[in-house]
Amino acid sequence: MLHRKKKSDSSQEWDDGRTIASMNVDGMPWYDQRPNSPSANSPKRPEEQIPSSGEQLSGRDLRKVIISATMIGLGVALVFVIAAFLLIQLMLLVWT
């Protein structure tokens, strides 16, 4: 028969209640905006700088974003294709 030890209160003696690092970060569910909280002194962005999620791009701007994202993706894919080609050529050079 297995015997399990019960957790005693002595295992919690090392916790003296001091805060080592404040976890009060903007955007977290437990964020505390009280004036005496440690993050209350951190600089805040003005509300007009924060884009709202309801803003829509115009057709021209949307096309620019789509084309830019596609070109970046093609550039990354091209780098991988060139790297694979060079690796194959190196293997053929060494093994033949």
N, C-alpha and C. Protein backbone atom coordinates (compact mmCIF):
# COMPACT_ATOMS: atom_id res chain seq x y z
N MET A 1 0.84 -1.16 0.00
CA MET A 1 0.00 0.00 0.00
C MET A 1 0.89 1.24 0.00
N LEU A 2 0.58 2.17 -0.86
CA LEU A 2 1.35 3.40 -0.96
C LEU A 2 0.89 4.41 0.08
N HIS A 3 1.83 5.04 0.71
CA HIS A 3 1.51 6.08 1.67
C HIS A 3 1.95 7.42 1.10
N ARG A 4 1.06 8.36 1.12
CA ARG A 4 1.38 9.69 0.63
C ARG A 4 1.53 10.64 1.81
N LYS A 5 2.52 11.50 1.68
CA LYS A 5 2.72 12.50 2.71
C LYS A 5 1.72 13.63 2.52
N LYS A 6 1.20 14.09 3.60
CA LYS A 6 0.32 15.25 3.53
C LYS A 6 1.19 16.50 3.49
N LYS A 7 0.75 17.47 2.69
CA LYS A 7 1.49 18.73 2.64
C LYS A 7 1.29 19.46 3.94
N SER A 8 2.36 19.88 4.50
CA SER A 8 2.27 20.62 5.76
C SER A 8 2.45 22.11 5.49
N ASP A 9 2.13 22.90 6.45
CA ASP A 9 2.29 24.34 6.33
C ASP A 9 3.75 24.75 6.34
N SER A 10 4.63 23.86 6.74
CA SER A 10 6.05 24.19 6.80
C SER A 10 6.64 24.40 5.41
N SER A 11 6.01 23.83 4.37
CA SER A 11 6.53 24.02 3.02
C SER A 11 6.30 25.43 2.51
N GLN A 12 5.43 26.19 3.15
CA GLN A 12 5.15 27.55 2.73
C GLN A 12 5.88 28.59 3.58
N GLU A 13 6.80 28.18 4.43
CA GLU A 13 7.48 29.10 5.31
C GLU A 13 8.40 30.06 4.57
N TRP A 14 8.86 29.70 3.41
CA TRP A 14 9.80 30.54 2.67
C TRP A 14 9.13 31.76 2.06
N ASP A 15 7.82 31.76 1.92
CA ASP A 15 7.11 32.88 1.31
C ASP A 15 6.84 33.94 2.38
N ASP A 16 7.53 35.08 2.27
CA ASP A 16 7.34 36.14 3.25
C ASP A 16 6.40 37.23 2.75
N GLY A 17 5.84 37.08 1.55
CA GLY A 17 4.84 38.01 1.05
C GLY A 17 5.38 39.20 0.29
N ARG A 18 6.70 39.32 0.14
CA ARG A 18 7.26 40.45 -0.59
C ARG A 18 7.06 40.27 -2.09
N THR A 19 6.94 41.38 -2.82
CA THR A 19 6.81 41.34 -4.26
C THR A 19 8.19 41.48 -4.88
N ILE A 20 8.58 40.51 -5.68
CA ILE A 20 9.88 40.54 -6.34
C ILE A 20 9.77 41.31 -7.65
N ALA A 21 8.76 41.01 -8.46
CA ALA A 21 8.53 41.71 -9.72
C ALA A 21 7.03 41.94 -9.86
N SER A 22 6.67 43.15 -10.21
CA SER A 22 5.26 43.48 -10.37
C SER A 22 4.73 42.86 -11.66
N MET A 23 3.66 42.14 -11.55
CA MET A 23 3.02 41.53 -12.72
C MET A 23 1.83 42.36 -13.19
N ASN A 24 1.75 43.59 -12.73
CA ASN A 24 0.65 44.48 -13.09
C ASN A 24 0.98 45.11 -14.44
N VAL A 25 0.58 44.46 -15.54
CA VAL A 25 0.94 44.87 -16.89
C VAL A 25 -0.32 45.24 -17.66
N ASP A 26 -0.22 46.32 -18.45
CA ASP A 26 -1.36 46.73 -19.28
C ASP A 26 -1.82 45.56 -20.14
N GLY A 27 -3.12 45.36 -20.23
CA GLY A 27 -3.68 44.34 -21.08
C GLY A 27 -3.96 43.02 -20.39
N MET A 28 -3.41 42.81 -19.21
CA MET A 28 -3.66 41.57 -18.49
C MET A 28 -4.99 41.67 -17.75
N PRO A 29 -5.67 40.54 -17.56
CA PRO A 29 -6.98 40.59 -16.90
C PRO A 29 -6.91 41.12 -15.48
N TRP A 30 -5.79 40.97 -14.80
CA TRP A 30 -5.68 41.40 -13.42
C TRP A 30 -5.10 42.80 -13.30
N TYR A 31 -4.98 43.54 -14.42
CA TYR A 31 -4.38 44.88 -14.41
C TYR A 31 -5.12 45.79 -13.43
N ASP A 32 -4.37 46.45 -12.57
CA ASP A 32 -4.92 47.30 -11.52
C ASP A 32 -4.56 48.75 -11.83
N GLN A 33 -5.57 49.61 -12.01
CA GLN A 33 -5.33 51.00 -12.37
C GLN A 33 -5.41 51.94 -11.18
N ARG A 34 -5.35 51.42 -9.98
CA ARG A 34 -5.40 52.29 -8.80
C ARG A 34 -4.16 53.18 -8.77
N PRO A 35 -4.30 54.39 -8.22
CA PRO A 35 -3.17 55.33 -8.20
C PRO A 35 -1.94 54.81 -7.45
N ASN A 36 -2.10 53.99 -6.45
CA ASN A 36 -0.94 53.53 -5.69
C ASN A 36 -0.33 52.25 -6.25
N SER A 37 -0.84 51.76 -7.37
CA SER A 37 -0.26 50.55 -7.95
C SER A 37 1.07 50.90 -8.62
N PRO A 38 2.02 49.95 -8.69
CA PRO A 38 3.36 50.24 -9.23
C PRO A 38 3.33 50.71 -10.68
N SER A 39 2.41 50.24 -11.48
CA SER A 39 2.40 50.62 -12.89
C SER A 39 1.62 51.90 -13.14
N ALA A 40 1.10 52.54 -12.12
CA ALA A 40 0.33 53.77 -12.30
C ALA A 40 1.21 54.91 -12.79
N ASN A 41 2.51 54.83 -12.53
CA ASN A 41 3.42 55.88 -12.96
C ASN A 41 3.95 55.67 -14.37
N SER A 42 3.63 54.55 -14.99
CA SER A 42 4.12 54.31 -16.34
C SER A 42 3.39 55.21 -17.33
N PRO A 43 4.08 55.66 -18.38
CA PRO A 43 3.45 56.56 -19.34
C PRO A 43 2.35 55.87 -20.12
N LYS A 44 1.30 56.58 -20.39
CA LYS A 44 0.16 56.04 -21.13
C LYS A 44 0.09 56.72 -22.49
N ARG A 45 -0.36 55.99 -23.49
CA ARG A 45 -0.56 56.58 -24.80
C ARG A 45 -1.89 57.29 -24.84
N PRO A 46 -1.96 58.42 -25.52
CA PRO A 46 -3.25 59.09 -25.66
C PRO A 46 -4.22 58.21 -26.44
N GLU A 47 -5.49 58.35 -26.13
CA GLU A 47 -6.50 57.49 -26.76
C GLU A 47 -6.56 57.68 -28.27
N GLU A 48 -6.24 58.88 -28.77
CA GLU A 48 -6.35 59.09 -30.21
C GLU A 48 -5.24 58.37 -30.98
N GLN A 49 -4.17 57.92 -30.30
CA GLN A 49 -3.11 57.19 -30.98
C GLN A 49 -3.42 55.70 -31.09
N ILE A 50 -4.33 55.21 -30.30
CA ILE A 50 -4.66 53.80 -30.31
C ILE A 50 -5.71 53.56 -31.40
N PRO A 51 -5.37 52.78 -32.43
CA PRO A 51 -6.35 52.56 -33.49
C PRO A 51 -7.52 51.71 -33.01
N SER A 52 -8.69 52.08 -33.42
CA SER A 52 -9.86 51.28 -33.04
C SER A 52 -9.97 50.10 -34.00
N SER A 53 -10.54 49.02 -33.53
CA SER A 53 -10.65 47.83 -34.36
C SER A 53 -11.73 47.98 -35.42
N GLY A 54 -12.56 49.02 -35.33
CA GLY A 54 -13.63 49.21 -36.28
C GLY A 54 -13.24 49.99 -37.53
N GLU A 55 -11.99 50.49 -37.59
CA GLU A 55 -11.57 51.27 -38.75
C GLU A 55 -11.43 50.35 -39.96
N GLN A 56 -11.87 50.85 -41.11
CA GLN A 56 -11.79 50.11 -42.36
C GLN A 56 -10.78 50.78 -43.29
N LEU A 57 -10.00 49.99 -44.01
CA LEU A 57 -9.08 50.54 -45.00
C LEU A 57 -9.83 50.83 -46.28
N SER A 58 -9.38 51.87 -46.99
CA SER A 58 -9.99 52.14 -48.29
C SER A 58 -9.54 51.05 -49.26
N GLY A 59 -10.17 50.98 -50.41
CA GLY A 59 -9.84 49.93 -51.38
C GLY A 59 -8.40 50.01 -51.84
N ARG A 60 -7.92 51.23 -52.07
CA ARG A 60 -6.55 51.40 -52.54
C ARG A 60 -5.55 50.99 -51.45
N ASP A 61 -5.80 51.40 -50.21
CA ASP A 61 -4.91 51.03 -49.11
C ASP A 61 -4.93 49.52 -48.86
N LEU A 62 -6.09 48.91 -48.98
CA LEU A 62 -6.21 47.47 -48.79
C LEU A 62 -5.40 46.72 -49.84
N ARG A 63 -5.48 47.18 -51.11
CA ARG A 63 -4.70 46.55 -52.17
C ARG A 63 -3.20 46.70 -51.91
N LYS A 64 -2.78 47.87 -51.42
CA LYS A 64 -1.37 48.08 -51.10
C LYS A 64 -0.90 47.11 -50.02
N VAL A 65 -1.72 46.92 -48.99
CA VAL A 65 -1.37 46.01 -47.91
C VAL A 65 -1.28 44.58 -48.42
N ILE A 66 -2.24 44.18 -49.24
CA ILE A 66 -2.26 42.81 -49.77
C ILE A 66 -1.05 42.56 -50.66
N ILE A 67 -0.74 43.51 -51.54
CA ILE A 67 0.40 43.35 -52.45
C ILE A 67 1.70 43.34 -51.67
N SER A 68 1.83 44.21 -50.67
CA SER A 68 3.05 44.24 -49.87
C SER A 68 3.25 42.93 -49.11
N ALA A 69 2.18 42.42 -48.52
CA ALA A 69 2.29 41.16 -47.78
C ALA A 69 2.63 40.00 -48.72
N THR A 70 2.07 40.01 -49.91
CA THR A 70 2.36 38.95 -50.88
C THR A 70 3.81 39.01 -51.32
N MET A 71 4.32 40.21 -51.58
CA MET A 71 5.71 40.36 -52.01
C MET A 71 6.68 39.93 -50.90
N ILE A 72 6.37 40.26 -49.68
CA ILE A 72 7.22 39.83 -48.56
C ILE A 72 7.21 38.31 -48.46
N GLY A 73 6.04 37.71 -48.59
CA GLY A 73 5.95 36.24 -48.55
C GLY A 73 6.72 35.59 -49.68
N LEU A 74 6.63 36.16 -50.89
CA LEU A 74 7.38 35.61 -52.01
C LEU A 74 8.88 35.78 -51.81
N GLY A 75 9.29 36.88 -51.21
CA GLY A 75 10.71 37.08 -50.92
C GLY A 75 11.24 36.04 -49.96
N VAL A 76 10.49 35.77 -48.91
CA VAL A 76 10.89 34.75 -47.94
C VAL A 76 10.94 33.37 -48.60
N ALA A 77 9.94 33.06 -49.42
CA ALA A 77 9.92 31.77 -50.12
C ALA A 77 11.11 31.65 -51.07
N LEU A 78 11.47 32.75 -51.74
CA LEU A 78 12.62 32.74 -52.65
C LEU A 78 13.91 32.46 -51.89
N VAL A 79 14.07 33.02 -50.72
CA VAL A 79 15.26 32.76 -49.90
C VAL A 79 15.33 31.27 -49.56
N PHE A 80 14.22 30.67 -49.18
CA PHE A 80 14.22 29.23 -48.87
C PHE A 80 14.53 28.38 -50.09
N VAL A 81 14.01 28.74 -51.25
CA VAL A 81 14.27 27.98 -52.47
C VAL A 81 15.74 28.08 -52.84
N ILE A 82 16.32 29.26 -52.75
CA ILE A 82 17.74 29.43 -53.07
C ILE A 82 18.60 28.65 -52.09
N ALA A 83 18.25 28.69 -50.81
CA ALA A 83 19.01 27.95 -49.80
C ALA A 83 18.94 26.44 -50.06
N ALA A 84 17.76 25.94 -50.42
CA ALA A 84 17.61 24.51 -50.71
C ALA A 84 18.42 24.14 -51.96
N PHE A 85 18.41 24.99 -52.98
CA PHE A 85 19.17 24.73 -54.20
C PHE A 85 20.67 24.67 -53.91
N LEU A 86 21.15 25.64 -53.12
CA LEU A 86 22.57 25.66 -52.79
C LEU A 86 22.96 24.46 -51.94
N LEU A 87 22.09 24.03 -51.05
CA LEU A 87 22.37 22.85 -50.23
C LEU A 87 22.46 21.60 -51.10
N ILE A 88 21.56 21.46 -52.05
CA ILE A 88 21.60 20.31 -52.96
C ILE A 88 22.87 20.32 -53.81
N GLN A 89 23.24 21.50 -54.30
CA GLN A 89 24.47 21.60 -55.11
C GLN A 89 25.70 21.25 -54.27
N LEU A 90 25.71 21.71 -53.00
CA LEU A 90 26.83 21.39 -52.12
C LEU A 90 26.92 19.89 -51.86
N MET A 91 25.77 19.26 -51.65
CA MET A 91 25.77 17.81 -51.43
C MET A 91 26.24 17.05 -52.66
N LEU A 92 25.83 17.49 -53.84
CA LEU A 92 26.27 16.84 -55.07
C LEU A 92 27.76 17.02 -55.27
N LEU A 93 28.28 18.19 -54.92
CA LEU A 93 29.70 18.46 -55.06
C LEU A 93 30.53 17.59 -54.12
N VAL A 94 30.05 17.42 -52.89
CA VAL A 94 30.82 16.65 -51.91
C VAL A 94 30.70 15.16 -52.15
N TRP A 95 29.54 14.67 -52.52
CA TRP A 95 29.31 13.23 -52.60
C TRP A 95 29.59 12.60 -53.97
N THR A 96 29.94 13.40 -54.94
CA THR A 96 30.23 12.78 -56.25
C THR A 96 31.69 12.85 -56.59
